[in-house]
Amino acid sequence: VSQYTFYTTASGVPLKFVMLGINYLTDGHFDEYIYTFTHFTTELQWPAPPVSDDRLARAGRQTD
């Protein structure tokens, strides 16, 4: 069983993420993983790609 702890400031800014146990995503061994956040922004770093009106119209015509 793994234990996850996520630390934030009072306003919700991430500070640290700690995982103690087995990293099942990479099939790792039992270990401690520590991620320290050094930069955080709520702004997008890259602009969203443009979507043409034609593509939107075609998407609207698609059926399940």
N, C-alpha and C. Protein backbone atom coordinates (compact mmCIF):
# COMPACT_ATOMS: atom_id res chain seq x y z
N VAL A 1 0.85 -1.18 0.00
CA VAL A 1 0.00 0.00 0.00
C VAL A 1 0.89 1.23 0.00
N SER A 2 0.56 2.18 -0.83
CA SER A 2 1.32 3.42 -0.91
C SER A 2 0.61 4.53 -0.15
N GLN A 3 1.39 5.47 0.35
CA GLN A 3 0.85 6.63 1.05
C GLN A 3 1.23 7.88 0.27
N TYR A 4 0.23 8.71 -0.02
CA TYR A 4 0.44 9.94 -0.77
C TYR A 4 0.13 11.13 0.13
N THR A 5 1.02 12.13 0.13
CA THR A 5 0.80 13.35 0.89
C THR A 5 1.07 14.53 -0.03
N PHE A 6 0.11 15.45 -0.09
CA PHE A 6 0.22 16.62 -0.97
C PHE A 6 0.16 17.87 -0.09
N TYR A 7 1.21 18.68 -0.12
CA TYR A 7 1.30 19.88 0.70
C TYR A 7 1.03 21.11 -0.15
N THR A 8 0.21 22.03 0.38
CA THR A 8 -0.08 23.29 -0.30
C THR A 8 -0.03 24.42 0.71
N THR A 9 0.03 25.65 0.18
CA THR A 9 -0.13 26.81 1.04
C THR A 9 -1.61 26.94 1.39
N ALA A 10 -1.94 27.86 2.28
CA ALA A 10 -3.34 28.08 2.67
C ALA A 10 -4.19 28.49 1.47
N SER A 11 -3.58 29.11 0.47
CA SER A 11 -4.33 29.54 -0.71
C SER A 11 -4.36 28.48 -1.81
N GLY A 12 -3.76 27.31 -1.58
CA GLY A 12 -3.83 26.22 -2.54
C GLY A 12 -2.66 26.08 -3.49
N VAL A 13 -1.62 26.87 -3.32
CA VAL A 13 -0.44 26.76 -4.18
C VAL A 13 0.33 25.49 -3.78
N PRO A 14 0.63 24.61 -4.74
CA PRO A 14 1.33 23.37 -4.40
C PRO A 14 2.76 23.62 -3.94
N LEU A 15 3.16 22.89 -2.90
CA LEU A 15 4.52 23.00 -2.38
C LEU A 15 5.30 21.70 -2.57
N LYS A 16 4.68 20.58 -2.19
CA LYS A 16 5.39 19.31 -2.23
C LYS A 16 4.41 18.15 -2.36
N PHE A 17 4.84 17.11 -3.06
CA PHE A 17 4.08 15.87 -3.18
C PHE A 17 5.00 14.73 -2.77
N VAL A 18 4.57 13.94 -1.79
CA VAL A 18 5.40 12.85 -1.28
C VAL A 18 4.64 11.54 -1.45
N MET A 19 5.32 10.54 -2.00
CA MET A 19 4.74 9.21 -2.13
C MET A 19 5.69 8.21 -1.50
N LEU A 20 5.17 7.43 -0.56
CA LEU A 20 5.96 6.40 0.10
C LEU A 20 5.31 5.06 -0.22
N GLY A 21 6.02 4.23 -0.94
CA GLY A 21 5.48 2.93 -1.31
C GLY A 21 5.96 2.52 -2.69
N ILE A 22 5.13 1.78 -3.40
CA ILE A 22 5.49 1.28 -4.72
C ILE A 22 4.84 2.15 -5.79
N ASN A 23 5.65 2.60 -6.74
CA ASN A 23 5.14 3.39 -7.86
C ASN A 23 4.60 2.42 -8.90
N TYR A 24 3.30 2.17 -8.86
CA TYR A 24 2.70 1.19 -9.76
C TYR A 24 2.68 1.65 -11.21
N LEU A 25 2.79 2.96 -11.45
CA LEU A 25 2.79 3.45 -12.83
C LEU A 25 4.03 2.99 -13.59
N THR A 26 5.16 2.93 -12.91
CA THR A 26 6.40 2.52 -13.56
C THR A 26 6.88 1.16 -13.05
N ASP A 27 6.05 0.47 -12.28
CA ASP A 27 6.38 -0.84 -11.71
C ASP A 27 7.67 -0.76 -10.90
N GLY A 28 7.78 0.32 -10.13
CA GLY A 28 8.98 0.53 -9.34
C GLY A 28 8.98 -0.29 -8.06
N HIS A 29 10.10 -0.27 -7.38
CA HIS A 29 10.23 -0.95 -6.11
C HIS A 29 9.75 -0.04 -4.98
N PHE A 30 9.68 -0.57 -3.77
CA PHE A 30 9.26 0.23 -2.62
C PHE A 30 10.29 1.33 -2.41
N ASP A 31 9.83 2.56 -2.34
CA ASP A 31 10.74 3.69 -2.24
C ASP A 31 9.97 4.91 -1.78
N GLU A 32 10.69 6.00 -1.59
CA GLU A 32 10.07 7.29 -1.28
C GLU A 32 10.34 8.24 -2.43
N TYR A 33 9.28 8.82 -2.97
CA TYR A 33 9.37 9.77 -4.07
C TYR A 33 8.93 11.13 -3.55
N ILE A 34 9.76 12.14 -3.74
CA ILE A 34 9.45 13.50 -3.27
C ILE A 34 9.55 14.46 -4.45
N TYR A 35 8.46 15.16 -4.71
CA TYR A 35 8.42 16.18 -5.75
C TYR A 35 8.23 17.52 -5.08
N THR A 36 9.17 18.43 -5.27
CA THR A 36 9.08 19.77 -4.70
C THR A 36 8.76 20.75 -5.83
N PHE A 37 7.69 21.50 -5.66
CA PHE A 37 7.28 22.47 -6.67
C PHE A 37 8.09 23.75 -6.49
N THR A 38 8.82 24.14 -7.53
CA THR A 38 9.62 25.36 -7.47
C THR A 38 8.99 26.49 -8.26
N HIS A 39 8.10 26.16 -9.19
CA HIS A 39 7.41 27.17 -9.99
C HIS A 39 5.96 26.76 -10.13
N PHE A 40 5.06 27.71 -10.07
CA PHE A 40 3.64 27.42 -10.22
C PHE A 40 2.95 28.63 -10.83
N THR A 41 2.07 28.38 -11.80
CA THR A 41 1.28 29.44 -12.39
C THR A 41 -0.08 28.89 -12.75
N THR A 42 -1.07 29.74 -12.74
CA THR A 42 -2.41 29.33 -13.17
C THR A 42 -2.65 29.72 -14.62
N GLU A 43 -1.67 30.36 -15.23
CA GLU A 43 -1.78 30.79 -16.63
C GLU A 43 -1.31 29.66 -17.55
N LEU A 44 -1.94 29.55 -18.72
CA LEU A 44 -1.49 28.59 -19.71
C LEU A 44 -0.13 29.01 -20.25
N GLN A 45 0.76 28.06 -20.42
CA GLN A 45 2.09 28.37 -20.93
C GLN A 45 2.11 28.45 -22.46
N TRP A 46 1.17 27.77 -23.10
CA TRP A 46 1.11 27.77 -24.55
C TRP A 46 -0.32 28.08 -24.96
N PRO A 47 -0.50 28.85 -26.02
CA PRO A 47 -1.87 29.15 -26.45
C PRO A 47 -2.55 27.89 -27.00
N ALA A 48 -3.83 27.81 -26.80
CA ALA A 48 -4.60 26.69 -27.35
C ALA A 48 -4.58 26.78 -28.87
N PRO A 49 -4.48 25.66 -29.57
CA PRO A 49 -4.46 25.72 -31.04
C PRO A 49 -5.79 26.21 -31.57
N PRO A 50 -5.76 26.96 -32.67
CA PRO A 50 -7.01 27.46 -33.23
C PRO A 50 -7.84 26.32 -33.83
N VAL A 51 -9.14 26.47 -33.76
CA VAL A 51 -10.06 25.50 -34.36
C VAL A 51 -10.91 26.26 -35.36
N SER A 52 -10.91 25.80 -36.61
CA SER A 52 -11.65 26.50 -37.65
C SER A 52 -13.15 26.26 -37.50
N ASP A 53 -13.95 27.18 -38.02
CA ASP A 53 -15.40 27.03 -38.00
C ASP A 53 -15.83 25.77 -38.73
N ASP A 54 -15.09 25.42 -39.80
CA ASP A 54 -15.42 24.22 -40.58
C ASP A 54 -15.26 22.96 -39.72
N ARG A 55 -14.20 22.88 -38.96
CA ARG A 55 -13.98 21.72 -38.09
C ARG A 55 -15.04 21.65 -37.01
N LEU A 56 -15.45 22.79 -36.48
CA LEU A 56 -16.51 22.80 -35.47
C LEU A 56 -17.82 22.31 -36.05
N ALA A 57 -18.11 22.74 -37.29
CA ALA A 57 -19.36 22.32 -37.94
C ALA A 57 -19.35 20.82 -38.19
N ARG A 58 -18.22 20.28 -38.64
CA ARG A 58 -18.12 18.83 -38.87
C ARG A 58 -18.26 18.07 -37.56
N ALA A 59 -17.68 18.56 -36.50
CA ALA A 59 -17.78 17.90 -35.20
C ALA A 59 -19.22 17.89 -34.72
N GLY A 60 -19.96 18.95 -35.01
CA GLY A 60 -21.36 19.03 -34.61
C GLY A 60 -22.25 18.06 -35.37
N ARG A 61 -21.82 17.65 -36.56
CA ARG A 61 -22.61 16.72 -37.38
C ARG A 61 -22.32 15.26 -37.05
N GLN A 62 -21.26 14.99 -36.30
CA GLN A 62 -20.90 13.61 -35.98
C GLN A 62 -21.94 13.01 -35.04
N THR A 63 -22.20 11.72 -35.23
CA THR A 63 -23.14 11.02 -34.36
C THR A 63 -22.42 9.88 -33.67
N ASP A 64 -22.95 9.47 -32.54
CA ASP A 64 -22.34 8.36 -31.78
C ASP A 64 -22.64 7.03 -32.39
